[in-house]
Amino acid sequence: QVQLVESGGGLVQPGGSLRLSCAASGRGFIFRLYVMGWYRQAPGKQRELVATITSGGSTNYADSVKGRFTISRDNAKSTVYLQMNSLKPEDTAVYYCNLNGFWGQGTLVTVSS
């Protein structure tokens, strides 16, 4: 069983930045071996992939966030991050992290003036 806890969401003006964190814990899993992903779900829309990072550090991004968002991981802390810059109103959503099918509770990001 894996527990994921996201944090760092909030209200930010367009053009601003936020850094999300997702801390993983649990018995019998080795964080560094797993692909980690950030997803988001906007009101009335399906959950969509934002970014992933492999155990080796390779990253992949949705076209809508390329050049603005950066995913990273700290294996010593069993934590994955999502640095979000140049935020737009359309980035407003609940952001979730995923590890091997496990989900956190999500953290709300609201981009509004």
C-alpha atoms as a PDB file:
ATOM      1  CA  GLN A   1       0.000   0.000   0.000  1.00  0.00           C
ATOM      2  CA  VAL A   2       1.264   3.441  -0.986  1.00  0.00           C
ATOM      3  CA  GLN A   3       0.167   6.786   0.375  1.00  0.00           C
ATOM      4  CA  LEU A   4       0.620   9.953  -1.665  1.00  0.00           C
ATOM      5  CA  VAL A   5       0.163  13.413  -0.211  1.00  0.00           C
ATOM      6  CA  GLU A   6       0.134  16.434  -2.497  1.00  0.00           C
ATOM      7  CA  SER A   7       0.722  19.991  -1.303  1.00  0.00           C
ATOM      8  CA  GLY A   8       1.534  23.434  -2.627  1.00  0.00           C
ATOM      9  CA  GLY A   9      -1.655  24.386  -4.385  1.00  0.00           C
ATOM     10  CA  GLY A  10      -3.372  27.729  -3.990  1.00  0.00           C
ATOM     11  CA  LEU A  11      -4.583  30.870  -5.675  1.00  0.00           C
ATOM     12  CA  VAL A  12      -2.181  32.625  -8.017  1.00  0.00           C
ATOM     13  CA  GLN A  13      -2.490  35.408 -10.566  1.00  0.00           C
ATOM     14  CA  PRO A  14      -1.957  34.743 -14.266  1.00  0.00           C
ATOM     15  CA  GLY A  15       1.740  34.728 -15.026  1.00  0.00           C
ATOM     16  CA  GLY A  16       2.595  33.573 -11.525  1.00  0.00           C
ATOM     17  CA  SER A  17       4.308  30.436 -10.268  1.00  0.00           C
ATOM     18  CA  LEU A  18       3.612  27.588  -7.884  1.00  0.00           C
ATOM     19  CA  ARG A  19       5.558  24.524  -6.833  1.00  0.00           C
ATOM     20  CA  LEU A  20       3.624  21.380  -6.050  1.00  0.00           C
ATOM     21  CA  SER A  21       5.024  18.533  -3.983  1.00  0.00           C
ATOM     22  CA  CYS A  22       3.929  14.920  -3.659  1.00  0.00           C
ATOM     23  CA  ALA A  23       5.365  12.848  -0.828  1.00  0.00           C
ATOM     24  CA  ALA A  24       5.126   9.075  -1.046  1.00  0.00           C
ATOM     25  CA  SER A  25       5.182   6.643   1.836  1.00  0.00           C
ATOM     26  CA  GLY A  26       4.322   3.054   2.503  1.00  0.00           C
ATOM     27  CA  ARG A  27       5.659  -0.338   3.333  1.00  0.00           C
ATOM     28  CA  GLY A  28       7.654  -2.408   0.948  1.00  0.00           C
ATOM     29  CA  PHE A  29       8.053  -0.130  -2.021  1.00  0.00           C
ATOM     30  CA  ILE A  30      11.165   1.501  -3.391  1.00  0.00           C
ATOM     31  CA  PHE A  31      10.267   4.977  -4.597  1.00  0.00           C
ATOM     32  CA  ARG A  32      13.247   5.410  -6.912  1.00  0.00           C
ATOM     33  CA  LEU A  33      12.179   2.469  -9.069  1.00  0.00           C
ATOM     34  CA  TYR A  34       8.832   3.919 -10.123  1.00  0.00           C
ATOM     35  CA  VAL A  35       7.632   6.282 -12.787  1.00  0.00           C
ATOM     36  CA  MET A  36       5.891   9.235 -11.169  1.00  0.00           C
ATOM     37  CA  GLY A  37       3.200  11.294 -12.818  1.00  0.00           C
ATOM     38  CA  TRP A  38       1.296  14.503 -12.298  1.00  0.00           C
ATOM     39  CA  TYR A  39      -2.260  14.705 -13.605  1.00  0.00           C
ATOM     40  CA  ARG A  40      -4.930  17.359 -13.376  1.00  0.00           C
ATOM     41  CA  GLN A  41      -8.691  17.551 -13.569  1.00  0.00           C
ATOM     42  CA  ALA A  42     -10.454  20.795 -14.343  1.00  0.00           C
ATOM     43  CA  PRO A  43     -14.145  21.314 -13.483  1.00  0.00           C
ATOM     44  CA  GLY A  44     -16.324  19.381 -15.888  1.00  0.00           C
ATOM     45  CA  LYS A  45     -13.382  17.778 -17.657  1.00  0.00           C
ATOM     46  CA  GLN A  46     -11.641  14.434 -17.611  1.00  0.00           C
ATOM     47  CA  ARG A  47      -8.417  13.902 -15.722  1.00  0.00           C
ATOM     48  CA  GLU A  48      -5.434  14.477 -17.999  1.00  0.00           C
ATOM     49  CA  LEU A  49      -1.743  13.758 -17.894  1.00  0.00           C
ATOM     50  CA  VAL A  50       0.480  16.756 -17.168  1.00  0.00           C
ATOM     51  CA  ALA A  51       3.962  15.274 -16.812  1.00  0.00           C
ATOM     52  CA  THR A  52       5.849  12.112 -15.984  1.00  0.00           C
ATOM     53  CA  ILE A  53       9.336  11.317 -14.786  1.00  0.00           C
ATOM     54  CA  THR A  54      10.986   7.913 -14.969  1.00  0.00           C
ATOM     55  CA  SER A  55      13.281   6.276 -12.462  1.00  0.00           C
ATOM     56  CA  GLY A  56      16.188   7.450 -14.593  1.00  0.00           C
ATOM     57  CA  GLY A  57      14.985  11.034 -14.695  1.00  0.00           C
ATOM     58  CA  SER A  58      13.559  11.132 -18.221  1.00  0.00           C
ATOM     59  CA  THR A  59      10.618  13.489 -18.468  1.00  0.00           C
ATOM     60  CA  ASN A  60       7.554  13.860 -20.636  1.00  0.00           C
ATOM     61  CA  TYR A  61       5.070  16.728 -20.784  1.00  0.00           C
ATOM     62  CA  ALA A  62       1.672  17.501 -22.185  1.00  0.00           C
ATOM     63  CA  ASP A  63       1.921  19.945 -25.059  1.00  0.00           C
ATOM     64  CA  SER A  64      -0.125  22.474 -23.116  1.00  0.00           C
ATOM     65  CA  VAL A  65       2.518  22.800 -20.379  1.00  0.00           C
ATOM     66  CA  LYS A  66       5.779  22.316 -22.277  1.00  0.00           C
ATOM     67  CA  GLY A  67       8.239  25.095 -21.569  1.00  0.00           C
ATOM     68  CA  ARG A  68       6.270  26.268 -18.518  1.00  0.00           C
ATOM     69  CA  PHE A  69       6.178  23.276 -16.148  1.00  0.00           C
ATOM     70  CA  THR A  70       9.081  21.192 -14.846  1.00  0.00           C
ATOM     71  CA  ILE A  71       8.763  17.839 -13.111  1.00  0.00           C
ATOM     72  CA  SER A  72      11.549  16.615 -10.840  1.00  0.00           C
ATOM     73  CA  ARG A  73      12.090  14.067  -8.120  1.00  0.00           C
ATOM     74  CA  ASP A  74      14.117  13.639  -4.949  1.00  0.00           C
ATOM     75  CA  ASN A  75      14.475   9.925  -4.358  1.00  0.00           C
ATOM     76  CA  ALA A  76      16.044  10.425  -0.940  1.00  0.00           C
ATOM     77  CA  LYS A  77      12.854  12.174   0.163  1.00  0.00           C
ATOM     78  CA  SER A  78      10.465   9.973  -1.854  1.00  0.00           C
ATOM     79  CA  THR A  79       9.034  13.164  -3.277  1.00  0.00           C
ATOM     80  CA  VAL A  80       8.132  14.389  -6.736  1.00  0.00           C
ATOM     81  CA  TYR A  81       7.723  18.064  -7.591  1.00  0.00           C
ATOM     82  CA  LEU A  82       5.986  20.094 -10.248  1.00  0.00           C
ATOM     83  CA  GLN A  83       7.327  23.603 -10.788  1.00  0.00           C
ATOM     84  CA  MET A  84       4.676  25.616 -12.619  1.00  0.00           C
ATOM     85  CA  ASN A  85       5.623  28.938 -14.189  1.00  0.00           C
ATOM     86  CA  SER A  86       3.755  31.391 -16.421  1.00  0.00           C
ATOM     87  CA  LEU A  87       0.475  30.048 -15.130  1.00  0.00           C
ATOM     88  CA  LYS A  88      -2.678  30.613 -17.149  1.00  0.00           C
ATOM     89  CA  PRO A  89      -6.344  30.527 -16.118  1.00  0.00           C
ATOM     90  CA  GLU A  90      -6.727  27.300 -18.097  1.00  0.00           C
ATOM     91  CA  ASP A  91      -4.244  25.656 -15.715  1.00  0.00           C
ATOM     92  CA  THR A  92      -6.901  25.859 -12.994  1.00  0.00           C
ATOM     93  CA  ALA A  93      -7.563  22.308 -11.806  1.00  0.00           C
ATOM     94  CA  VAL A  94      -7.080  19.813  -9.030  1.00  0.00           C
ATOM     95  CA  TYR A  95      -3.607  18.360  -9.451  1.00  0.00           C
ATOM     96  CA  TYR A  96      -2.940  14.738  -8.532  1.00  0.00           C
ATOM     97  CA  CYS A  97       0.193  12.652  -8.387  1.00  0.00           C
ATOM     98  CA  ASN A  98       0.266   9.012  -9.361  1.00  0.00           C
ATOM     99  CA  LEU A  99       2.553   6.128  -8.519  1.00  0.00           C
ATOM    100  CA  ASN A 100       1.818   2.742 -10.041  1.00  0.00           C
ATOM    101  CA  GLY A 101      -1.934   3.256  -9.944  1.00  0.00           C
ATOM    102  CA  PHE A 102      -2.084   4.875  -6.528  1.00  0.00           C
ATOM    103  CA  TRP A 103      -3.457   8.418  -6.285  1.00  0.00           C
ATOM    104  CA  GLY A 104      -3.169  11.201  -3.795  1.00  0.00           C
ATOM    105  CA  GLN A 105      -6.069  13.335  -2.627  1.00  0.00           C
ATOM    106  CA  GLY A 106      -5.147  16.191  -4.936  1.00  0.00           C
ATOM    107  CA  THR A 107      -4.284  19.840  -4.437  1.00  0.00           C
ATOM    108  CA  LEU A 108      -6.288  22.677  -5.950  1.00  0.00           C
ATOM    109  CA  VAL A 109      -4.598  25.233  -8.177  1.00  0.00           C
ATOM    110  CA  THR A 110      -6.610  28.306  -9.092  1.00  0.00           C
ATOM    111  CA  VAL A 111      -5.215  30.829 -11.568  1.00  0.00           C
ATOM    112  CA  SER A 112      -7.242  34.005 -11.490  1.00  0.00           C
ATOM    113  CA  SER A 113      -6.859  37.746 -11.234  1.00  0.00           C
END
